[in-house]
Protein backbone atom coordinates (compact mmCIF):
# COMPACT_ATOMS: atom_id res chain seq x y z
CA MET A 1 34.25 0.92 14.38
CA ASN A 2 36.95 -0.14 11.91
CA ARG A 3 37.41 0.34 8.19
CA ASP A 4 36.18 -3.16 7.37
CA SER A 5 32.74 -2.61 8.91
CA LEU A 6 31.99 0.57 6.95
CA PRO A 7 31.28 -1.11 3.57
CA SER A 8 28.99 -3.67 5.19
CA MET A 9 27.16 -0.94 7.05
CA MET A 10 26.71 0.99 3.81
CA THR A 11 25.34 -2.16 2.19
CA VAL A 12 22.73 -2.50 4.93
CA VAL A 13 21.81 1.20 4.63
CA GLY A 14 21.58 0.77 0.84
CA PHE A 15 19.20 -2.17 1.16
CA LEU A 16 17.07 -0.29 3.67
CA VAL A 17 16.76 2.71 1.33
CA ALA A 18 15.87 0.37 -1.61
CA ALA A 19 13.25 -1.25 0.58
CA LEU A 20 11.85 2.18 1.46
CA PHE A 21 11.49 2.96 -2.24
CA VAL A 22 9.49 -0.26 -2.72
CA VAL A 23 7.30 0.49 0.29
CA PHE A 24 6.71 4.09 -0.90
CA GLY A 25 5.73 2.78 -4.38
CA LEU A 26 3.24 0.42 -2.81
CA TYR A 27 1.92 3.25 -0.66
CA VAL A 28 1.39 5.45 -3.72
CA ILE A 29 -0.52 2.69 -5.50
CA PHE A 30 -2.69 1.40 -2.64
CA ALA A 31 -3.00 4.11 0.03
CA LYS A 32 -6.34 5.64 0.79
CA PRO A 33 -5.04 9.27 0.94
CA MET A 34 -3.77 8.89 -2.62
CA GLN A 35 -7.25 8.07 -4.03
CA ASN A 36 -7.82 11.68 -5.19
CA ILE A 37 -4.93 11.34 -7.70
CA PRO A 38 -5.97 9.71 -11.00
CA ARG A 39 -5.36 5.95 -10.94
CA GLU A 40 -3.20 5.98 -14.08
CA PHE A 41 -0.75 8.51 -12.61
CA ARG A 42 -0.62 6.63 -9.31
CA ASN A 43 0.11 3.34 -11.04
CA ILE A 44 2.75 4.74 -13.35
CA PHE A 45 4.59 6.62 -10.59
CA GLY A 46 4.25 3.75 -8.07
CA TYR A 47 5.59 1.15 -10.46
CA ILE A 48 8.50 3.36 -11.46
CA VAL A 49 9.44 3.91 -7.81
CA ILE A 50 9.11 0.16 -7.12
CA GLY A 51 11.25 -0.60 -10.17
CA TYR A 52 13.88 1.85 -9.02
CA GLY A 53 13.94 0.24 -5.57
CA VAL A 54 14.42 -3.21 -7.09
CA PHE A 55 17.08 -1.84 -9.47
CA ARG A 56 18.96 -0.21 -6.58
CA SER A 57 18.84 -3.44 -4.54
CA VAL A 58 20.28 -5.45 -7.47
CA ILE A 59 23.08 -2.90 -7.96
CA ILE A 60 23.89 -2.91 -4.25
CA TYR A 61 23.92 -6.71 -4.15
CA GLN A 62 26.29 -6.91 -7.13
CA LYS A 63 28.69 -4.36 -5.57
CA HIS A 64 28.57 -6.23 -2.27
CA LYS A 65 29.31 -9.51 -4.01
CA GLU A 66 32.24 -7.98 -6.00
CA ARG A 67 33.69 -6.43 -2.81
CA LYS A 68 33.40 -9.74 -0.99
CA ASP A 69 35.05 -11.62 -3.87
CA ALA A 70 37.89 -9.12 -3.96
CA ASP A 71 38.36 -9.48 -0.22
CA ASP A 72 38.46 -13.27 -0.57
CA GLU A 73 41.15 -13.00 -3.25
CA ASN A 74 43.30 -10.73 -1.08
CA GLU A 75 43.31 -13.14 1.84
């Protein structure tokens, strides 16, 4: 493992975590075990978690793109 592979690995891990947030938000909204929680609370919390996952993925993508552009300029 070299220093160049670490940022790309962290990008992959970041996208996986963001995807887990989206999946967890969908689980909160639609899962059968969550039916005993009032629907309004499930929807609010689920959509906030989904929004955070999407927000994180956009931020990670922008940072990855900036890092790639900076690497291209240095070559």
